C-alpha atoms as a PDB file:
ATOM      1  CA  MET A   1     -13.806 -12.334   6.362  1.00  0.00           C
ATOM      2  CA  GLN A   2     -14.156 -16.018   7.094  1.00  0.00           C
ATOM      3  CA  PRO A   3     -13.060 -18.635   4.509  1.00  0.00           C
ATOM      4  CA  GLU A   4     -16.645 -19.677   3.763  1.00  0.00           C
ATOM      5  CA  GLU A   5     -17.454 -16.038   2.916  1.00  0.00           C
ATOM      6  CA  LEU A   6     -14.519 -15.938   0.501  1.00  0.00           C
ATOM      7  CA  LEU A   7     -15.424 -19.135  -1.388  1.00  0.00           C
ATOM      8  CA  LYS A   8     -17.376 -17.400  -4.152  1.00  0.00           C
ATOM      9  CA  PRO A   9     -14.720 -14.690  -4.765  1.00  0.00           C
ATOM     10  CA  VAL A  10     -11.968 -17.336  -4.775  1.00  0.00           C
ATOM     11  CA  ILE A  11     -13.906 -19.391  -7.363  1.00  0.00           C
ATOM     12  CA  GLU A  12     -14.257 -16.209  -9.423  1.00  0.00           C
ATOM     13  CA  VAL A  13     -10.465 -15.800  -9.311  1.00  0.00           C
ATOM     14  CA  ALA A  14     -10.092 -19.352 -10.657  1.00  0.00           C
ATOM     15  CA  GLN A  15     -12.524 -18.543 -13.454  1.00  0.00           C
ATOM     16  CA  GLN A  16     -10.652 -15.326 -14.294  1.00  0.00           C
ATOM     17  CA  LEU A  17      -7.509 -17.440 -14.616  1.00  0.00           C
ATOM     18  CA  ASN A  18      -9.391 -19.768 -17.007  1.00  0.00           C
ATOM     19  CA  TYR A  19      -9.409 -22.803 -14.739  1.00  0.00           C
ATOM     20  CA  GLN A  20     -12.088 -25.342 -15.592  1.00  0.00           C
ATOM     21  CA  ILE A  21     -13.833 -26.205 -12.325  1.00  0.00           C
ATOM     22  CA  ARG A  22     -15.264 -29.603 -11.538  1.00  0.00           C
ATOM     23  CA  TYR A  23     -16.765 -30.754  -8.242  1.00  0.00           C
ATOM     24  CA  GLU A  24     -16.051 -34.353  -7.281  1.00  0.00           C
ATOM     25  CA  TRP A  25     -16.138 -36.511  -4.165  1.00  0.00           C
ATOM     26  CA  LEU A  26     -12.429 -37.032  -3.540  1.00  0.00           C
ATOM     27  CA  GLY A  27     -12.792 -38.566  -0.089  1.00  0.00           C
ATOM     28  CA  GLY A  28     -11.099 -35.760   1.807  1.00  0.00           C
ATOM     29  CA  LYS A  29      -7.957 -35.836  -0.332  1.00  0.00           C
ATOM     30  CA  GLY A  30      -8.317 -32.137  -1.117  1.00  0.00           C
ATOM     31  CA  THR A  31      -8.638 -30.033  -4.223  1.00  0.00           C
ATOM     32  CA  ARG A  32      -6.343 -30.927  -7.107  1.00  0.00           C
ATOM     33  CA  THR A  33      -5.275 -29.284 -10.346  1.00  0.00           C
ATOM     34  CA  LEU A  34      -4.671 -31.099 -13.588  1.00  0.00           C
ATOM     35  CA  ARG A  35      -3.249 -29.775 -16.815  1.00  0.00           C
ATOM     36  CA  TYR A  36      -4.840 -31.510 -19.799  1.00  0.00           C
ATOM     37  CA  ARG A  37      -4.005 -30.337 -23.293  1.00  0.00           C
ATOM     38  CA  ASP A  38      -4.428 -26.553 -23.199  1.00  0.00           C
ATOM     39  CA  GLU A  39      -6.709 -26.455 -20.170  1.00  0.00           C
ATOM     40  CA  THR A  40      -6.093 -26.446 -16.457  1.00  0.00           C
ATOM     41  CA  TRP A  41      -8.727 -28.238 -14.421  1.00  0.00           C
ATOM     42  CA  LEU A  42      -9.450 -27.636 -10.773  1.00  0.00           C
ATOM     43  CA  PHE A  43     -11.067 -30.629  -9.079  1.00  0.00           C
ATOM     44  CA  VAL A  44     -12.786 -29.408  -5.912  1.00  0.00           C
ATOM     45  CA  ASP A  45     -13.351 -32.004  -3.186  1.00  0.00           C
ATOM     46  CA  GLN A  46     -17.049 -31.971  -2.317  1.00  0.00           C
ATOM     47  CA  SER A  47     -16.431 -33.893   0.881  1.00  0.00           C
ATOM     48  CA  GLU A  48     -14.866 -30.703   2.349  1.00  0.00           C
ATOM     49  CA  ASP A  49     -17.034 -28.014   3.944  1.00  0.00           C
ATOM     50  CA  GLU A  50     -17.066 -24.536   2.372  1.00  0.00           C
ATOM     51  CA  ALA A  51     -14.182 -23.304   4.532  1.00  0.00           C
ATOM     52  CA  GLY A  52     -12.097 -26.327   3.555  1.00  0.00           C
ATOM     53  CA  GLN A  53     -12.934 -25.934  -0.122  1.00  0.00           C
ATOM     54  CA  CYS A  54     -11.984 -22.262   0.010  1.00  0.00           C
ATOM     55  CA  THR A  55      -8.647 -23.039   1.659  1.00  0.00           C
ATOM     56  CA  GLN A  56      -7.889 -25.873  -0.777  1.00  0.00           C
ATOM     57  CA  ILE A  57      -8.792 -23.823  -3.874  1.00  0.00           C
ATOM     58  CA  THR A  58      -6.739 -20.903  -2.606  1.00  0.00           C
ATOM     59  CA  SER A  59      -3.762 -23.194  -1.979  1.00  0.00           C
ATOM     60  CA  ALA A  60      -4.033 -24.548  -5.508  1.00  0.00           C
ATOM     61  CA  LEU A  61      -4.196 -21.060  -7.027  1.00  0.00           C
ATOM     62  CA  ALA A  62      -1.786 -19.227  -4.740  1.00  0.00           C
ATOM     63  CA  THR A  63       1.316 -20.238  -6.673  1.00  0.00           C
ATOM     64  CA  ASP A  64      -0.134 -19.177 -10.037  1.00  0.00           C
ATOM     65  CA  SER A  65       1.937 -16.130 -10.995  1.00  0.00           C
ATOM     66  CA  ARG A  66      -0.944 -14.706 -13.044  1.00  0.00           C
ATOM     67  CA  ILE A  67      -2.746 -13.793  -9.806  1.00  0.00           C
ATOM     68  CA  GLU A  68      -0.500 -10.743  -9.500  1.00  0.00           C
ATOM     69  CA  GLN A  69      -2.035  -9.384 -12.702  1.00  0.00           C
ATOM     70  CA  LEU A  70      -5.596  -9.513 -11.361  1.00  0.00           C
ATOM     71  CA  GLU A  71      -7.348  -6.747  -9.504  1.00  0.00           C
ATOM     72  CA  LEU A  72      -8.476  -8.390  -6.283  1.00  0.00           C
ATOM     73  CA  SER A  73     -10.303  -6.927  -3.331  1.00  0.00           C
ATOM     74  CA  SER A  74      -8.106  -6.373  -0.308  1.00  0.00           C
ATOM     75  CA  ALA A  75      -9.914  -9.167   1.576  1.00  0.00           C
ATOM     76  CA  VAL A  76      -9.264 -11.696  -1.197  1.00  0.00           C
ATOM     77  CA  ARG A  77      -5.631 -10.605  -1.645  1.00  0.00           C
ATOM     78  CA  GLU A  78      -5.061 -10.860   2.130  1.00  0.00           C
ATOM     79  CA  TRP A  79      -6.654 -14.317   2.146  1.00  0.00           C
ATOM     80  CA  PHE A  80      -4.328 -15.511  -0.640  1.00  0.00           C
ATOM     81  CA  GLN A  81      -1.337 -14.114   1.236  1.00  0.00           C
ATOM     82  CA  HIS A  82      -2.465 -15.797   4.477  1.00  0.00           C
ATOM     83  CA  VAL A  83      -2.850 -19.202   2.808  1.00  0.00           C
ATOM     84  CA  LEU A  84       0.468 -18.844   0.964  1.00  0.00           C
ATOM     85  CA  GLU A  85       2.241 -18.115   4.251  1.00  0.00           C
ATOM     86  CA  GLN A  86       0.759 -21.308   5.754  1.00  0.00           C
ATOM     87  CA  GLN A  87       2.163 -23.534   2.999  1.00  0.00           C
ATOM     88  CA  PRO A  88       5.357 -25.473   3.796  1.00  0.00           C
END
Protein backbone atom coordinates (compact mmCIF):
# COMPACT_ATOMS: atom_id res chain seq x y z
CA MET A 1 0.00 0.00 0.00
CA GLN A 2 1.08 3.56 -0.65
CA PRO A 3 1.42 6.05 2.25
CA GLU A 4 -1.63 8.05 1.14
CA GLU A 5 -3.71 4.84 1.30
CA LEU A 6 -2.50 4.24 4.86
CA LEU A 7 -3.31 7.73 6.18
CA LYS A 8 -6.76 6.85 7.51
CA PRO A 9 -5.61 3.62 9.25
CA VAL A 10 -2.62 5.46 10.76
CA ILE A 11 -4.94 8.19 12.11
CA GLU A 12 -7.12 5.43 13.57
CA VAL A 13 -4.04 4.05 15.36
CA ALA A 14 -3.43 7.51 16.87
CA GLN A 15 -7.05 7.64 18.03
CA GLN A 16 -6.79 4.15 19.55
CA LEU A 17 -3.78 5.41 21.50
CA ASN A 18 -5.88 8.37 22.72
CA TYR A 19 -3.95 11.06 20.89
CA GLN A 20 -5.89 14.28 20.39
CA ILE A 21 -5.48 15.22 16.73
CA ARG A 22 -5.35 18.78 15.48
CA TYR A 23 -4.64 19.94 11.93
CA GLU A 24 -2.60 23.12 11.61
CA TRP A 25 -0.54 24.90 8.97
CA LEU A 26 2.97 24.38 10.32
CA GLY A 27 4.80 25.60 7.23
CA GLY A 28 6.37 22.28 6.32
CA LYS A 29 7.92 21.76 9.75
CA GLY A 30 6.23 18.38 10.08
CA THR A 31 3.86 16.75 12.51
CA ARG A 32 4.57 17.31 16.19
CA THR A 33 3.40 15.79 19.45
CA LEU A 34 2.79 17.70 22.64
CA ARG A 35 2.01 16.39 26.08
CA TYR A 36 -0.30 18.77 27.93
CA ARG A 37 -1.66 17.78 31.32
CA ASP A 38 -3.00 14.24 30.86
CA GLU A 39 -3.41 14.43 27.09
CA THR A 40 -1.07 13.88 24.20
CA TRP A 41 -1.75 16.08 21.19
CA LEU A 42 -0.70 15.32 17.65
CA PHE A 43 -0.39 18.44 15.51
CA VAL A 44 -0.57 17.39 11.86
CA ASP A 45 1.02 19.75 9.33
CA GLN A 46 -1.62 20.58 6.72
CA SER A 47 1.00 21.95 4.36
CA GLU A 48 2.15 18.33 3.74
CA ASP A 49 0.41 16.14 1.15
CA GLU A 50 -1.34 12.97 2.34
CA ALA A 51 1.77 10.82 1.87
CA GLY A 52 3.84 13.29 3.90
CA GLN A 53 1.22 13.50 6.63
CA CYS A 54 1.07 9.71 6.83
CA THR A 55 4.85 9.44 7.12
CA GLN A 56 5.05 12.21 9.73
CA ILE A 57 2.21 10.79 11.86
CA THR A 58 3.74 7.33 11.67
CA SER A 59 7.13 8.70 12.72
CA ALA A 60 5.53 10.43 15.69
CA LEU A 61 3.69 7.27 16.77
CA ALA A 62 6.31 4.66 15.93
CA THR A 63 8.19 5.03 19.20
CA ASP A 64 5.04 4.72 21.33
CA SER A 65 5.45 1.35 23.07
CA ARG A 66 1.67 0.93 23.32
CA ILE A 67 1.54 0.19 19.58
CA GLU A 68 2.71 -3.35 20.31
CA GLN A 69 -0.51 -3.94 22.25
CA LEU A 70 -2.75 -3.03 19.31
CA GLU A 71 -4.03 -5.43 16.70
CA LEU A 72 -2.93 -3.88 13.42
CA SER A 73 -3.37 -5.12 9.89
CA SER A 74 -0.22 -6.52 8.36
CA ALA A 75 -0.02 -3.56 5.95
CA VAL A 76 -0.16 -1.02 8.78
CA ARG A 77 2.32 -2.95 10.95
CA GLU A 78 4.72 -3.24 7.99
CA TRP A 79 4.36 0.49 7.32
CA PHE A 80 5.23 1.33 10.95
CA GLN A 81 8.24 -0.98 10.77
CA HIS A 82 9.37 0.61 7.48
CA VAL A 83 9.16 4.15 8.88
CA LEU A 84 10.89 3.13 12.12
CA GLU A 85 13.78 1.65 10.14
CA GLN A 86 14.17 4.95 8.24
CA GLN A 87 14.57 7.00 11.42
CA PRO A 88 18.13 7.97 12.42
